[in-house]
Amino acid sequence: MKKETLNARRLLCPLPVIRTQDKVKQLQAGDQLEVICTDPGVMQDIPAWCRINGHKVLSTSTCDHEYFITLEVGA
């Protein structure tokens, strides 16, 4: 299992989701990806994208106007 980080700071919707999608394509099932964003919309957009595409949100958090989402890549 790999754990990767994607810096999507200062990107506005829909770019964080597009970058997440592009990064997930490079990963294997079971790998984890932490996405770091500054657009609060990702807190709804990325979990919705995960549900549609069979990935699992492991955690979400907010700190100092940054949003952190960790997901596990589905099969």
Protein backbone atom coordinates (compact mmCIF):
# COMPACT_ATOMS: atom_id res chain seq x y z
CA MET A 1 0.00 0.00 0.00
CA LYS A 2 1.28 3.44 -0.96
CA LYS A 3 0.31 6.68 0.72
CA GLU A 4 0.48 9.73 -1.53
CA THR A 5 -0.26 13.42 -0.98
CA LEU A 6 -1.83 15.76 -3.53
CA ASN A 7 -1.37 19.50 -3.09
CA ALA A 8 -4.52 21.12 -4.51
CA ARG A 9 -4.14 24.38 -2.58
CA ARG A 10 -5.30 27.58 -4.31
CA LEU A 11 -7.27 25.61 -6.91
CA LEU A 12 -10.98 26.29 -7.30
CA CYS A 13 -13.75 23.86 -8.19
CA PRO A 14 -13.68 21.71 -10.25
CA LEU A 15 -9.86 21.55 -10.41
CA PRO A 16 -9.28 19.80 -7.04
CA VAL A 17 -11.62 16.97 -8.10
CA ILE A 18 -10.00 16.73 -11.56
CA ARG A 19 -6.50 16.60 -10.04
CA THR A 20 -7.70 13.98 -7.53
CA GLN A 21 -9.15 11.90 -10.37
CA ASP A 22 -5.91 12.16 -12.37
CA LYS A 23 -3.79 11.15 -9.35
CA VAL A 24 -6.04 8.19 -8.43
CA LYS A 25 -5.56 6.80 -11.96
CA GLN A 26 -1.85 6.41 -11.13
CA LEU A 27 -2.54 4.46 -7.92
CA GLN A 28 -3.51 0.87 -7.14
CA ALA A 29 -6.55 -0.40 -5.22
CA GLY A 30 -5.87 -0.05 -1.49
CA ASP A 31 -3.50 2.90 -1.87
CA GLN A 32 -4.28 6.03 0.11
CA LEU A 33 -4.32 9.61 -1.12
CA GLU A 34 -4.39 12.69 1.08
CA VAL A 35 -5.71 15.74 -0.77
CA ILE A 36 -4.91 19.17 0.71
CA CYS A 37 -7.12 22.02 -0.52
CA THR A 38 -8.05 25.60 0.27
CA ASP A 39 -11.47 25.51 -1.49
CA PRO A 40 -14.12 24.55 1.11
CA GLY A 41 -16.30 23.05 -1.65
CA VAL A 42 -14.06 19.98 -1.73
CA MET A 43 -15.57 18.79 1.54
CA GLN A 44 -18.72 17.91 -0.45
CA ASP A 45 -17.27 17.46 -3.95
CA ILE A 46 -14.52 14.90 -3.29
CA PRO A 47 -16.64 12.60 -1.05
CA ALA A 48 -19.40 12.70 -3.71
CA TRP A 49 -16.85 11.86 -6.42
CA CYS A 50 -15.56 8.98 -4.24
CA ARG A 51 -19.08 7.53 -3.80
CA ILE A 52 -19.72 7.64 -7.55
CA ASN A 53 -16.35 6.07 -8.42
CA GLY A 54 -16.09 3.40 -5.71
CA HIS A 55 -13.43 4.97 -3.50
CA LYS A 56 -13.64 5.28 0.28
CA VAL A 57 -13.19 8.49 2.30
CA LEU A 58 -11.11 7.57 5.36
CA SER A 59 -11.00 11.00 7.02
CA THR A 60 -11.72 14.68 6.55
CA SER A 61 -10.41 17.57 8.63
CA THR A 62 -9.93 21.32 8.57
CA CYS A 63 -7.06 23.36 9.97
CA ASP A 64 -6.15 27.01 9.36
CA HIS A 65 -8.44 27.38 6.31
CA GLU A 66 -7.05 24.21 4.72
CA TYR A 67 -9.10 21.10 4.06
CA PHE A 68 -7.66 17.60 4.28
CA ILE A 69 -9.35 14.55 2.78
CA THR A 70 -7.78 11.10 2.92
CA LEU A 71 -9.25 8.50 0.61
CA GLU A 72 -8.60 4.86 -0.15
CA VAL A 73 -8.54 3.89 -3.81
CA GLY A 74 -11.21 1.34 -4.69
CA ALA A 75 -10.87 -1.63 -7.04
